[in-house]
Amino acid sequence: MRIGVLGTGDVGRTLGSAFVDLGHDVKMGSRSAAGKAVLDWVRKTGPKASAGSFGEAASFGEIVVLATLGVAVPDAIASAGADSFRGKTVIDATNPLDFSAGMPPTLAISGKDSGGEQTQRLLPEAFVVKAFNTVGHAHMYRPGFRGGPPDMFICGDNEDAKQMVATILREFGWGIADVGGITASRYLEAMCLLWVLYGIKANSWDHAFKLLRK
């Protein structure tokens, strides 16, 4: 499968490398396709990895992953062009975090809205699924925790798209907790803050959520 990844930071490189490891072709998009970080990633990752602009990555992908800074998602979509996402499953791995007051961050979008909902409004002909936003990048692929695999909480309005993302998550080594439509992004983005608060308190970032079922 062809995967387009928008964003060249830790999350983008981690997810891009994981998809390549699973046999997919990945094009990583950035504002500057010739940037050092993305070119280094391509050289390190091998022939299934390539680089391009935001638009080229979005057009390339059968699935598109948003892995920019959360507050930068609208600009990335505008740069890529909404038509590049039409009919595609879009994995929103972002959180709209505001670090202007330092740590811990707050949400730049909150209340009766969320980054996930904003993204779905910007991409009305795509199928946005919020995922990968409640854990640090170091544990996004094949997380090894005592007590079995952790759960990734997901949400989105299209059931087929969520099933596609759930299949990917299982290949990545995750359990799945589907919490409903894209409006649930309001709570999943807040879960990111909970993950950060625990990390600050514990002075460790090696943790993840698990939903226990009876």
N, C-alpha and C. Protein backbone atom coordinates (compact mmCIF):
# COMPACT_ATOMS: atom_id res chain seq x y z
N MET A 1 0.84 -1.19 0.00
CA MET A 1 0.00 0.00 0.00
C MET A 1 0.88 1.25 0.00
N ARG A 2 0.40 2.32 -0.61
CA ARG A 2 1.12 3.58 -0.62
C ARG A 2 0.64 4.46 0.54
N ILE A 3 1.59 4.95 1.33
CA ILE A 3 1.28 5.77 2.49
C ILE A 3 1.93 7.14 2.31
N GLY A 4 1.15 8.18 2.44
CA GLY A 4 1.68 9.53 2.46
C GLY A 4 1.73 10.03 3.89
N VAL A 5 2.86 10.55 4.31
CA VAL A 5 3.02 11.07 5.67
C VAL A 5 3.35 12.56 5.56
N LEU A 6 2.53 13.39 6.16
CA LEU A 6 2.78 14.83 6.19
C LEU A 6 3.40 15.19 7.53
N GLY A 7 4.67 15.57 7.49
CA GLY A 7 5.39 15.91 8.70
C GLY A 7 6.65 15.08 8.83
N THR A 8 7.77 15.74 9.16
CA THR A 8 9.07 15.07 9.19
C THR A 8 9.67 15.03 10.59
N GLY A 9 8.87 15.31 11.61
CA GLY A 9 9.36 15.26 12.98
C GLY A 9 9.42 13.83 13.50
N ASP A 10 9.54 13.70 14.82
CA ASP A 10 9.67 12.38 15.44
C ASP A 10 8.50 11.47 15.10
N VAL A 11 7.28 12.01 15.16
CA VAL A 11 6.10 11.19 14.88
C VAL A 11 6.07 10.76 13.43
N GLY A 12 6.31 11.69 12.51
CA GLY A 12 6.29 11.35 11.10
C GLY A 12 7.33 10.32 10.73
N ARG A 13 8.56 10.50 11.24
CA ARG A 13 9.62 9.55 10.91
C ARG A 13 9.36 8.19 11.54
N THR A 14 8.84 8.17 12.77
CA THR A 14 8.54 6.89 13.43
C THR A 14 7.48 6.12 12.66
N LEU A 15 6.37 6.80 12.33
CA LEU A 15 5.29 6.11 11.62
C LEU A 15 5.72 5.74 10.21
N GLY A 16 6.44 6.62 9.54
CA GLY A 16 6.91 6.31 8.20
C GLY A 16 7.80 5.09 8.19
N SER A 17 8.74 5.01 9.12
CA SER A 17 9.63 3.86 9.21
C SER A 17 8.87 2.58 9.53
N ALA A 18 7.85 2.69 10.38
CA ALA A 18 7.05 1.52 10.72
C ALA A 18 6.30 0.99 9.51
N PHE A 19 5.71 1.88 8.73
CA PHE A 19 5.00 1.44 7.53
C PHE A 19 5.96 0.77 6.55
N VAL A 20 7.15 1.33 6.38
CA VAL A 20 8.13 0.70 5.50
C VAL A 20 8.50 -0.68 6.02
N ASP A 21 8.70 -0.79 7.33
CA ASP A 21 9.06 -2.07 7.93
C ASP A 21 8.00 -3.13 7.66
N LEU A 22 6.75 -2.69 7.52
CA LEU A 22 5.65 -3.62 7.24
C LEU A 22 5.44 -3.84 5.75
N GLY A 23 6.33 -3.26 4.93
CA GLY A 23 6.29 -3.54 3.50
C GLY A 23 5.59 -2.52 2.63
N HIS A 24 5.17 -1.40 3.23
CA HIS A 24 4.47 -0.37 2.46
C HIS A 24 5.46 0.61 1.84
N ASP A 25 5.01 1.31 0.81
CA ASP A 25 5.78 2.40 0.20
C ASP A 25 5.34 3.71 0.83
N VAL A 26 6.30 4.51 1.26
CA VAL A 26 6.00 5.72 2.01
C VAL A 26 6.65 6.93 1.36
N LYS A 27 5.86 7.97 1.14
CA LYS A 27 6.40 9.26 0.72
C LYS A 27 6.16 10.25 1.86
N MET A 28 7.23 10.83 2.36
CA MET A 28 7.14 11.78 3.46
C MET A 28 7.13 13.20 2.90
N GLY A 29 6.13 13.96 3.27
CA GLY A 29 5.96 15.30 2.76
C GLY A 29 6.36 16.36 3.76
N SER A 30 6.92 17.43 3.24
CA SER A 30 7.30 18.57 4.06
C SER A 30 7.19 19.82 3.21
N ARG A 31 7.37 20.97 3.85
CA ARG A 31 7.37 22.22 3.08
C ARG A 31 8.56 22.27 2.14
N SER A 32 9.68 21.68 2.58
CA SER A 32 10.87 21.63 1.74
C SER A 32 11.25 20.18 1.51
N ALA A 33 10.93 19.66 0.32
CA ALA A 33 11.20 18.25 0.03
C ALA A 33 12.68 17.92 0.06
N ALA A 34 13.52 18.96 -0.03
CA ALA A 34 14.96 18.74 -0.01
C ALA A 34 15.58 19.00 1.35
N GLY A 35 14.75 19.07 2.39
CA GLY A 35 15.26 19.33 3.74
C GLY A 35 16.15 18.20 4.23
N LYS A 36 17.13 18.55 5.04
CA LYS A 36 18.11 17.57 5.51
C LYS A 36 17.46 16.43 6.28
N ALA A 37 16.52 16.76 7.17
CA ALA A 37 15.91 15.72 8.01
C ALA A 37 15.23 14.65 7.17
N VAL A 38 14.45 15.09 6.18
CA VAL A 38 13.71 14.10 5.39
C VAL A 38 14.64 13.34 4.44
N LEU A 39 15.65 14.00 3.90
CA LEU A 39 16.59 13.30 3.03
C LEU A 39 17.41 12.27 3.81
N ASP A 40 17.78 12.62 5.03
CA ASP A 40 18.48 11.65 5.89
C ASP A 40 17.59 10.45 6.16
N TRP A 41 16.30 10.71 6.41
CA TRP A 41 15.36 9.62 6.67
C TRP A 41 15.25 8.70 5.45
N VAL A 42 15.16 9.28 4.27
CA VAL A 42 15.05 8.48 3.05
C VAL A 42 16.28 7.60 2.87
N ARG A 43 17.47 8.17 3.05
CA ARG A 43 18.70 7.39 2.90
C ARG A 43 18.76 6.24 3.90
N LYS A 44 18.35 6.52 5.13
CA LYS A 44 18.41 5.51 6.18
C LYS A 44 17.36 4.41 5.98
N THR A 45 16.21 4.77 5.45
CA THR A 45 15.07 3.85 5.43
C THR A 45 15.06 2.94 4.22
N GLY A 46 15.60 3.39 3.10
CA GLY A 46 15.73 2.49 1.98
C GLY A 46 14.81 2.80 0.80
N PRO A 47 14.76 1.88 -0.18
CA PRO A 47 14.11 2.16 -1.47
C PRO A 47 12.60 2.33 -1.39
N LYS A 48 11.96 1.86 -0.34
CA LYS A 48 10.52 2.06 -0.22
C LYS A 48 10.17 3.43 0.36
N ALA A 49 11.18 4.22 0.69
CA ALA A 49 10.97 5.55 1.26
C ALA A 49 11.32 6.61 0.23
N SER A 50 10.53 7.67 0.19
CA SER A 50 10.81 8.79 -0.69
C SER A 50 10.31 10.07 -0.03
N ALA A 51 10.70 11.20 -0.63
CA ALA A 51 10.34 12.49 -0.07
C ALA A 51 9.68 13.35 -1.12
N GLY A 52 8.87 14.28 -0.68
CA GLY A 52 8.22 15.22 -1.59
C GLY A 52 7.61 16.36 -0.81
N SER A 53 6.84 17.14 -1.49
CA SER A 53 6.11 18.23 -0.85
C SER A 53 4.89 17.67 -0.12
N PHE A 54 4.20 18.52 0.63
CA PHE A 54 2.96 18.09 1.27
C PHE A 54 1.98 17.58 0.21
N GLY A 55 1.86 18.32 -0.89
CA GLY A 55 0.92 17.92 -1.94
C GLY A 55 1.30 16.60 -2.59
N GLU A 56 2.59 16.41 -2.83
CA GLU A 56 3.05 15.17 -3.45
C GLU A 56 2.82 13.97 -2.54
N ALA A 57 3.06 14.15 -1.25
CA ALA A 57 2.85 13.05 -0.30
C ALA A 57 1.37 12.71 -0.18
N ALA A 58 0.53 13.74 -0.11
CA ALA A 58 -0.91 13.49 0.01
C ALA A 58 -1.46 12.83 -1.25
N SER A 59 -0.99 13.25 -2.43
CA SER A 59 -1.45 12.64 -3.67
C SER A 59 -0.96 11.21 -3.81
N PHE A 60 0.24 10.94 -3.33
CA PHE A 60 0.85 9.61 -3.41
C PHE A 60 0.10 8.58 -2.57
N GLY A 61 -0.33 8.98 -1.40
CA GLY A 61 -0.84 8.02 -0.43
C GLY A 61 -2.24 7.52 -0.73
N GLU A 62 -2.42 6.22 -0.63
CA GLU A 62 -3.77 5.67 -0.57
C GLU A 62 -4.35 5.93 0.81
N ILE A 63 -3.47 5.95 1.80
CA ILE A 63 -3.78 6.43 3.15
C ILE A 63 -2.83 7.57 3.42
N VAL A 64 -3.34 8.62 4.07
CA VAL A 64 -2.50 9.78 4.39
C VAL A 64 -2.47 9.95 5.91
N VAL A 65 -1.27 10.16 6.43
CA VAL A 65 -1.08 10.36 7.87
C VAL A 65 -0.70 11.81 8.11
N LEU A 66 -1.44 12.48 8.99
CA LEU A 66 -1.10 13.84 9.42
C LEU A 66 -0.24 13.74 10.65
N ALA A 67 1.02 14.19 10.53
CA ALA A 67 1.98 14.09 11.64
C ALA A 67 2.76 15.39 11.82
N THR A 68 2.15 16.50 11.42
CA THR A 68 2.74 17.81 11.66
C THR A 68 2.44 18.21 13.10
N LEU A 69 2.93 19.37 13.51
CA LEU A 69 2.42 19.96 14.74
C LEU A 69 0.92 20.14 14.60
N GLY A 70 0.19 19.91 15.68
CA GLY A 70 -1.26 20.00 15.60
C GLY A 70 -1.76 21.34 15.12
N VAL A 71 -1.13 22.41 15.60
CA VAL A 71 -1.59 23.75 15.22
C VAL A 71 -1.22 24.08 13.78
N ALA A 72 -0.35 23.27 13.16
CA ALA A 72 0.07 23.51 11.78
C ALA A 72 -0.74 22.72 10.77
N VAL A 73 -1.68 21.90 11.21
CA VAL A 73 -2.44 21.05 10.30
C VAL A 73 -3.18 21.87 9.23
N PRO A 74 -3.91 22.95 9.58
CA PRO A 74 -4.60 23.69 8.53
C PRO A 74 -3.67 24.21 7.44
N ASP A 75 -2.50 24.69 7.82
CA ASP A 75 -1.55 25.18 6.82
C ASP A 75 -1.04 24.04 5.94
N ALA A 76 -0.79 22.88 6.54
CA ALA A 76 -0.31 21.73 5.77
C ALA A 76 -1.37 21.28 4.77
N ILE A 77 -2.62 21.24 5.20
CA ILE A 77 -3.71 20.86 4.30
C ILE A 77 -3.85 21.87 3.17
N ALA A 78 -3.77 23.16 3.51
CA ALA A 78 -3.87 24.19 2.48
C ALA A 78 -2.74 24.07 1.48
N SER A 79 -1.54 23.76 1.97
CA SER A 79 -0.40 23.60 1.08
C SER A 79 -0.56 22.39 0.16
N ALA A 80 -1.09 21.30 0.72
CA ALA A 80 -1.27 20.08 -0.07
C ALA A 80 -2.43 20.19 -1.03
N GLY A 81 -3.47 20.92 -0.64
CA GLY A 81 -4.69 21.00 -1.43
C GLY A 81 -5.67 19.93 -1.01
N ALA A 82 -6.88 20.34 -0.64
CA ALA A 82 -7.86 19.37 -0.14
C ALA A 82 -8.18 18.29 -1.15
N ASP A 83 -8.08 18.59 -2.45
CA ASP A 83 -8.39 17.58 -3.47
C ASP A 83 -7.46 16.37 -3.38
N SER A 84 -6.25 16.58 -2.84
CA SER A 84 -5.29 15.48 -2.74
C SER A 84 -5.74 14.41 -1.75
N PHE A 85 -6.70 14.74 -0.89
CA PHE A 85 -7.17 13.82 0.15
C PHE A 85 -8.51 13.18 -0.21
N ARG A 86 -9.11 13.58 -1.31
CA ARG A 86 -10.48 13.16 -1.61
C ARG A 86 -10.61 11.64 -1.66
N GLY A 87 -11.60 11.13 -0.91
CA GLY A 87 -11.90 9.71 -0.91
C GLY A 87 -10.96 8.84 -0.11
N LYS A 88 -10.00 9.45 0.60
CA LYS A 88 -8.96 8.68 1.30
C LYS A 88 -9.21 8.66 2.81
N THR A 89 -8.70 7.60 3.43
CA THR A 89 -8.62 7.55 4.88
C THR A 89 -7.45 8.41 5.32
N VAL A 90 -7.70 9.31 6.25
CA VAL A 90 -6.68 10.22 6.76
C VAL A 90 -6.51 9.95 8.25
N ILE A 91 -5.33 9.48 8.64
CA ILE A 91 -5.04 9.23 10.05
C ILE A 91 -4.50 10.51 10.66
N ASP A 92 -5.25 11.05 11.61
CA ASP A 92 -4.84 12.28 12.29
C ASP A 92 -4.13 11.91 13.58
N ALA A 93 -2.81 11.98 13.56
CA ALA A 93 -1.99 11.62 14.72
C ALA A 93 -1.58 12.84 15.54
N THR A 94 -2.26 13.96 15.33
CA THR A 94 -1.83 15.23 15.92
C THR A 94 -2.64 15.61 17.15
N ASN A 95 -2.07 16.54 17.90
CA ASN A 95 -2.76 17.19 19.01
C ASN A 95 -2.49 18.69 18.91
N PRO A 96 -3.53 19.52 19.00
CA PRO A 96 -3.34 20.97 18.87
C PRO A 96 -2.82 21.58 20.18
N LEU A 97 -1.55 21.36 20.45
CA LEU A 97 -0.98 21.77 21.74
C LEU A 97 -0.45 23.20 21.69
N ASP A 98 -0.64 23.90 22.79
CA ASP A 98 -0.18 25.28 22.94
C ASP A 98 0.87 25.30 24.05
N PHE A 99 2.12 25.57 23.69
CA PHE A 99 3.23 25.61 24.64
C PHE A 99 3.61 27.03 25.04
N SER A 100 2.76 28.00 24.74
CA SER A 100 3.14 29.40 24.96
C SER A 100 3.37 29.72 26.42
N ALA A 101 2.73 28.97 27.32
CA ALA A 101 2.93 29.19 28.77
C ALA A 101 3.88 28.16 29.36
N GLY A 102 4.58 27.41 28.51
CA GLY A 102 5.50 26.39 29.00
C GLY A 102 4.82 25.06 29.20
N MET A 103 5.45 24.24 30.07
CA MET A 103 4.92 22.91 30.36
C MET A 103 4.12 22.94 31.66
N PRO A 104 3.04 22.15 31.74
CA PRO A 104 2.47 21.35 30.66
C PRO A 104 1.74 22.22 29.65
N PRO A 105 1.58 21.74 28.43
CA PRO A 105 0.86 22.52 27.43
C PRO A 105 -0.63 22.53 27.71
N THR A 106 -1.34 23.36 26.98
CA THR A 106 -2.79 23.35 26.97
C THR A 106 -3.24 23.04 25.55
N LEU A 107 -4.55 22.90 25.37
CA LEU A 107 -5.08 22.67 24.03
C LEU A 107 -5.40 24.00 23.37
N ALA A 108 -4.89 24.20 22.17
CA ALA A 108 -5.18 25.42 21.42
C ALA A 108 -6.62 25.42 20.91
N ILE A 109 -7.22 24.23 20.78
CA ILE A 109 -8.63 24.08 20.38
C ILE A 109 -9.29 23.22 21.44
N SER A 110 -10.34 23.72 22.04
CA SER A 110 -10.99 22.96 23.11
C SER A 110 -12.46 23.34 23.18
N GLY A 111 -13.15 22.82 24.19
CA GLY A 111 -14.58 23.09 24.32
C GLY A 111 -15.37 22.27 23.33
N LYS A 112 -16.23 22.94 22.56
CA LYS A 112 -17.09 22.24 21.62
C LYS A 112 -16.44 22.13 20.24
N ASP A 113 -15.15 21.86 20.24
CA ASP A 113 -14.42 21.67 18.99
C ASP A 113 -13.13 20.94 19.31
N SER A 114 -12.42 20.52 18.29
CA SER A 114 -11.16 19.80 18.46
C SER A 114 -10.37 19.86 17.16
N GLY A 115 -9.11 19.48 17.25
CA GLY A 115 -8.31 19.40 16.04
C GLY A 115 -8.85 18.40 15.05
N GLY A 116 -9.30 17.25 15.55
CA GLY A 116 -9.85 16.23 14.66
C GLY A 116 -11.07 16.71 13.91
N GLU A 117 -11.96 17.41 14.60
CA GLU A 117 -13.15 17.94 13.94
C GLU A 117 -12.79 19.01 12.92
N GLN A 118 -11.84 19.86 13.29
CA GLN A 118 -11.39 20.89 12.36
C GLN A 118 -10.83 20.26 11.08
N THR A 119 -10.03 19.21 11.26
CA THR A 119 -9.46 18.52 10.10
C THR A 119 -10.55 17.92 9.23
N GLN A 120 -11.56 17.31 9.84
CA GLN A 120 -12.64 16.74 9.04
C GLN A 120 -13.41 17.82 8.29
N ARG A 121 -13.59 18.98 8.90
CA ARG A 121 -14.26 20.08 8.19
C ARG A 121 -13.41 20.56 7.01
N LEU A 122 -12.10 20.59 7.19
CA LEU A 122 -11.22 21.03 6.11
C LEU A 122 -11.14 20.01 4.98
N LEU A 123 -11.44 18.74 5.31
CA LEU A 123 -11.38 17.65 4.33
C LEU A 123 -12.73 16.93 4.27
N PRO A 124 -13.77 17.62 3.79
CA PRO A 124 -15.12 17.04 3.84
C PRO A 124 -15.29 15.80 2.98
N GLU A 125 -14.40 15.59 2.00
CA GLU A 125 -14.52 14.43 1.12
C GLU A 125 -13.51 13.34 1.47
N ALA A 126 -12.87 13.47 2.64
CA ALA A 126 -11.97 12.43 3.15
C ALA A 126 -12.57 11.85 4.42
N PHE A 127 -11.94 10.79 4.93
CA PHE A 127 -12.45 10.08 6.10
C PHE A 127 -11.39 10.14 7.19
N VAL A 128 -11.56 11.06 8.11
CA VAL A 128 -10.55 11.33 9.13
C VAL A 128 -10.75 10.39 10.32
N VAL A 129 -9.66 9.77 10.74
CA VAL A 129 -9.67 8.91 11.92
C VAL A 129 -8.57 9.39 12.86
N LYS A 130 -8.95 9.76 14.05
CA LYS A 130 -7.97 10.16 15.06
C LYS A 130 -7.33 8.91 15.64
N ALA A 131 -6.01 8.85 15.63
CA ALA A 131 -5.27 7.70 16.18
C ALA A 131 -3.83 8.12 16.42
N PHE A 132 -3.13 7.36 17.22
CA PHE A 132 -1.71 7.57 17.53
C PHE A 132 -1.45 8.84 18.34
N ASN A 133 -2.48 9.48 18.87
CA ASN A 133 -2.26 10.77 19.54
C ASN A 133 -2.19 10.65 21.06
N THR A 134 -2.31 9.45 21.60
CA THR A 134 -2.33 9.30 23.06
C THR A 134 -1.12 8.53 23.59
N VAL A 135 -0.02 8.57 22.84
CA VAL A 135 1.21 7.91 23.28
C VAL A 135 2.37 8.64 22.63
N GLY A 136 3.55 8.54 23.21
CA GLY A 136 4.73 9.15 22.63
C GLY A 136 5.24 8.37 21.44
N HIS A 137 5.98 9.05 20.57
CA HIS A 137 6.42 8.43 19.32
C HIS A 137 7.29 7.18 19.56
N ALA A 138 8.01 7.13 20.68
CA ALA A 138 8.91 6.00 20.93
C ALA A 138 8.17 4.68 21.07
N HIS A 139 6.87 4.74 21.35
CA HIS A 139 6.11 3.51 21.58
C HIS A 139 4.96 3.33 20.58
N MET A 140 5.01 4.04 19.47
CA MET A 140 3.92 3.94 18.50
C MET A 140 3.95 2.62 17.73
N TYR A 141 5.13 2.04 17.57
CA TYR A 141 5.26 0.82 16.78
C TYR A 141 5.75 -0.32 17.66
N ARG A 142 4.96 -1.40 17.66
CA ARG A 142 5.27 -2.59 18.45
C ARG A 142 5.62 -2.24 19.89
N PRO A 143 4.68 -1.63 20.59
CA PRO A 143 4.92 -1.23 21.98
C PRO A 143 5.11 -2.44 22.87
N GLY A 144 6.18 -2.45 23.64
CA GLY A 144 6.45 -3.58 24.52
C GLY A 144 6.25 -3.20 25.97
N PHE A 145 5.07 -3.46 26.49
CA PHE A 145 4.74 -3.13 27.87
C PHE A 145 4.34 -4.40 28.63
N ARG A 146 4.72 -4.45 29.87
CA ARG A 146 4.26 -5.56 30.71
C ARG A 146 2.75 -5.50 30.83
N GLY A 147 2.11 -6.66 30.86
CA GLY A 147 0.65 -6.69 30.95
C GLY A 147 -0.04 -6.76 29.61
N GLY A 148 0.74 -7.01 28.57
CA GLY A 148 0.13 -7.16 27.26
C GLY A 148 0.13 -5.85 26.48
N PRO A 149 -0.34 -5.88 25.24
CA PRO A 149 -0.32 -4.67 24.43
C PRO A 149 -1.26 -3.60 24.98
N PRO A 150 -0.85 -2.34 24.91
CA PRO A 150 -1.77 -1.26 25.30
C PRO A 150 -2.84 -1.08 24.23
N ASP A 151 -3.80 -0.20 24.51
CA ASP A 151 -4.88 0.07 23.58
C ASP A 151 -4.72 1.46 22.97
N MET A 152 -4.99 1.54 21.67
CA MET A 152 -5.04 2.83 21.00
C MET A 152 -6.50 3.23 20.85
N PHE A 153 -6.83 4.39 21.37
CA PHE A 153 -8.18 4.92 21.26
C PHE A 153 -8.31 5.63 19.92
N ILE A 154 -9.40 5.32 19.22
CA ILE A 154 -9.61 5.92 17.90
C ILE A 154 -11.03 6.47 17.81
N CYS A 155 -11.22 7.40 16.89
CA CYS A 155 -12.56 7.89 16.60
C CYS A 155 -12.62 8.41 15.18
N GLY A 156 -13.82 8.44 14.63
CA GLY A 156 -14.03 8.91 13.27
C GLY A 156 -15.44 8.62 12.84
N ASP A 157 -15.90 9.30 11.81
CA ASP A 157 -17.30 9.17 11.39
C ASP A 157 -17.54 8.03 10.42
N ASN A 158 -16.49 7.53 9.76
CA ASN A 158 -16.67 6.50 8.74
C ASN A 158 -16.22 5.15 9.28
N GLU A 159 -17.14 4.19 9.31
CA GLU A 159 -16.83 2.90 9.91
C GLU A 159 -15.79 2.12 9.10
N ASP A 160 -15.86 2.19 7.78
CA ASP A 160 -14.89 1.47 6.96
C ASP A 160 -13.48 2.02 7.18
N ALA A 161 -13.38 3.34 7.28
CA ALA A 161 -12.07 3.95 7.53
C ALA A 161 -11.53 3.53 8.89
N LYS A 162 -12.41 3.47 9.88
CA LYS A 162 -11.95 3.05 11.22
C LYS A 162 -11.50 1.59 11.21
N GLN A 163 -12.19 0.76 10.45
CA GLN A 163 -11.76 -0.63 10.35
C GLN A 163 -10.39 -0.75 9.68
N MET A 164 -10.16 0.09 8.68
CA MET A 164 -8.86 0.09 8.01
C MET A 164 -7.76 0.50 8.99
N VAL A 165 -8.03 1.55 9.76
CA VAL A 165 -7.04 2.02 10.74
C VAL A 165 -6.85 0.98 11.84
N ALA A 166 -7.93 0.32 12.25
CA ALA A 166 -7.81 -0.72 13.27
C ALA A 166 -6.92 -1.86 12.80
N THR A 167 -7.04 -2.22 11.53
CA THR A 167 -6.18 -3.27 10.97
C THR A 167 -4.71 -2.85 11.02
N ILE A 168 -4.45 -1.60 10.65
CA ILE A 168 -3.08 -1.07 10.72
C ILE A 168 -2.57 -1.10 12.16
N LEU A 169 -3.39 -0.67 13.09
CA LEU A 169 -2.97 -0.63 14.49
C LEU A 169 -2.64 -2.03 15.01
N ARG A 170 -3.42 -3.01 14.63
CA ARG A 170 -3.11 -4.37 15.06
C ARG A 170 -1.77 -4.82 14.49
N GLU A 171 -1.50 -4.45 13.24
CA GLU A 171 -0.19 -4.78 12.65
C GLU A 171 0.94 -4.06 13.38
N PHE A 172 0.64 -2.89 13.91
CA PHE A 172 1.62 -2.12 14.69
C PHE A 172 1.77 -2.67 16.11
N GLY A 173 0.87 -3.57 16.53
CA GLY A 173 0.97 -4.19 17.84
C GLY A 173 0.06 -3.64 18.90
N TRP A 174 -1.03 -2.98 18.49
CA TRP A 174 -1.94 -2.34 19.43
C TRP A 174 -3.27 -3.07 19.55
N GLY A 175 -3.90 -2.97 20.74
CA GLY A 175 -5.31 -3.24 20.88
C GLY A 175 -6.07 -1.99 20.45
N ILE A 176 -7.39 -2.14 20.23
CA ILE A 176 -8.20 -1.06 19.69
C ILE A 176 -9.32 -0.71 20.65
N ALA A 177 -9.55 0.58 20.85
CA ALA A 177 -10.71 1.05 21.61
C ALA A 177 -11.37 2.15 20.78
N ASP A 178 -12.44 1.80 20.10
CA ASP A 178 -13.18 2.74 19.24
C ASP A 178 -14.19 3.48 20.12
N VAL A 179 -14.05 4.81 20.18
CA VAL A 179 -14.92 5.60 21.06
C VAL A 179 -15.95 6.43 20.30
N GLY A 180 -16.14 6.15 19.01
CA GLY A 180 -17.23 6.79 18.30
C GLY A 180 -16.81 7.74 17.20
N GLY A 181 -17.66 8.76 16.98
CA GLY A 181 -17.46 9.70 15.88
C GLY A 181 -16.34 10.69 16.13
N ILE A 182 -16.10 11.53 15.13
CA ILE A 182 -14.95 12.43 15.18
C ILE A 182 -15.06 13.46 16.31
N THR A 183 -16.28 13.72 16.80
CA THR A 183 -16.41 14.65 17.92
C THR A 183 -15.69 14.14 19.17
N ALA A 184 -15.46 12.83 19.25
CA ALA A 184 -14.73 12.27 20.39
C ALA A 184 -13.26 12.70 20.40
N SER A 185 -12.80 13.33 19.32
CA SER A 185 -11.45 13.90 19.32
C SER A 185 -11.26 14.87 20.47
N ARG A 186 -12.33 15.52 20.90
CA ARG A 186 -12.24 16.46 22.03
C ARG A 186 -11.68 15.76 23.27
N TYR A 187 -12.02 14.52 23.45
CA TYR A 187 -11.60 13.77 24.63
C TYR A 187 -10.27 13.07 24.40
N LEU A 188 -10.04 12.60 23.17
CA LEU A 188 -8.76 11.94 22.89
C LEU A 188 -7.62 12.95 22.92
N GLU A 189 -7.86 14.16 22.45
CA GLU A 189 -6.81 15.19 22.52
C GLU A 189 -6.55 15.60 23.96
N ALA A 190 -7.60 15.59 24.78
CA ALA A 190 -7.39 15.84 26.20
C ALA A 190 -6.63 14.69 26.86
N MET A 191 -6.82 13.46 26.36
CA MET A 191 -6.06 12.32 26.88
C MET A 191 -4.56 12.50 26.67
N CYS A 192 -4.20 13.18 25.60
CA CYS A 192 -2.79 13.48 25.38
C CYS A 192 -2.25 14.30 26.54
N LEU A 193 -3.03 15.29 27.00
CA LEU A 193 -2.58 16.10 28.14
C LEU A 193 -2.44 15.24 29.39
N LEU A 194 -3.35 14.29 29.58
CA LEU A 194 -3.25 13.38 30.72
C LEU A 194 -1.98 12.55 30.63
N TRP A 195 -1.66 12.09 29.41
CA TRP A 195 -0.43 11.32 29.19
C TRP A 195 0.79 12.18 29.54
N VAL A 196 0.77 13.45 29.15
CA VAL A 196 1.88 14.36 29.45
C VAL A 196 1.99 14.62 30.95
N LEU A 197 0.86 14.86 31.61
CA LEU A 197 0.89 15.13 33.05
C LEU A 197 1.48 13.97 33.83
N TYR A 198 1.09 12.75 33.45
CA TYR A 198 1.67 11.59 34.13
C TYR A 198 3.16 11.51 33.88
N GLY A 199 3.58 11.80 32.65
CA GLY A 199 5.00 11.77 32.34
C GLY A 199 5.79 12.76 33.17
N ILE A 200 5.25 13.95 33.35
CA ILE A 200 5.93 14.95 34.17
C ILE A 200 6.03 14.48 35.61
N LYS A 201 4.93 13.97 36.15
CA LYS A 201 4.90 13.51 37.54
C LYS A 201 5.84 12.34 37.77
N ALA A 202 5.86 11.40 36.84
CA ALA A 202 6.67 10.18 36.99
C ALA A 202 8.10 10.37 36.50
N ASN A 203 8.36 11.48 35.83
CA ASN A 203 9.67 11.73 35.21
C ASN A 203 10.05 10.58 34.28
N SER A 204 9.07 10.12 33.53
CA SER A 204 9.27 9.02 32.58
C SER A 204 8.22 9.13 31.49
N TRP A 205 8.61 8.74 30.27
CA TRP A 205 7.67 8.82 29.14
C TRP A 205 7.39 7.43 28.58
N ASP A 206 7.63 6.42 29.40
CA ASP A 206 7.41 5.03 28.97
C ASP A 206 6.09 4.51 29.53
N HIS A 207 5.00 5.08 29.07
CA HIS A 207 3.70 4.64 29.54
C HIS A 207 2.69 4.76 28.40
N ALA A 208 1.59 3.99 28.54
CA ALA A 208 0.52 3.99 27.55
C ALA A 208 -0.77 3.58 28.25
N PHE A 209 -1.88 3.85 27.60
CA PHE A 209 -3.20 3.52 28.17
C PHE A 209 -3.65 2.13 27.76
N LYS A 210 -4.37 1.47 28.67
CA LYS A 210 -5.00 0.19 28.36
C LYS A 210 -6.40 0.17 28.96
N LEU A 211 -7.36 -0.21 28.16
CA LEU A 211 -8.74 -0.34 28.61
C LEU A 211 -8.96 -1.78 29.07
N LEU A 212 -9.27 -1.97 30.34
CA LEU A 212 -9.51 -3.31 30.86
C LEU A 212 -10.98 -3.67 30.70
N ARG A 213 -11.23 -4.86 30.21
CA ARG A 213 -12.59 -5.30 29.95
C ARG A 213 -12.86 -6.59 30.73
N LYS A 214 -14.06 -6.75 31.19
CA LYS A 214 -14.44 -7.96 31.94
C LYS A 214 -15.37 -8.82 31.10
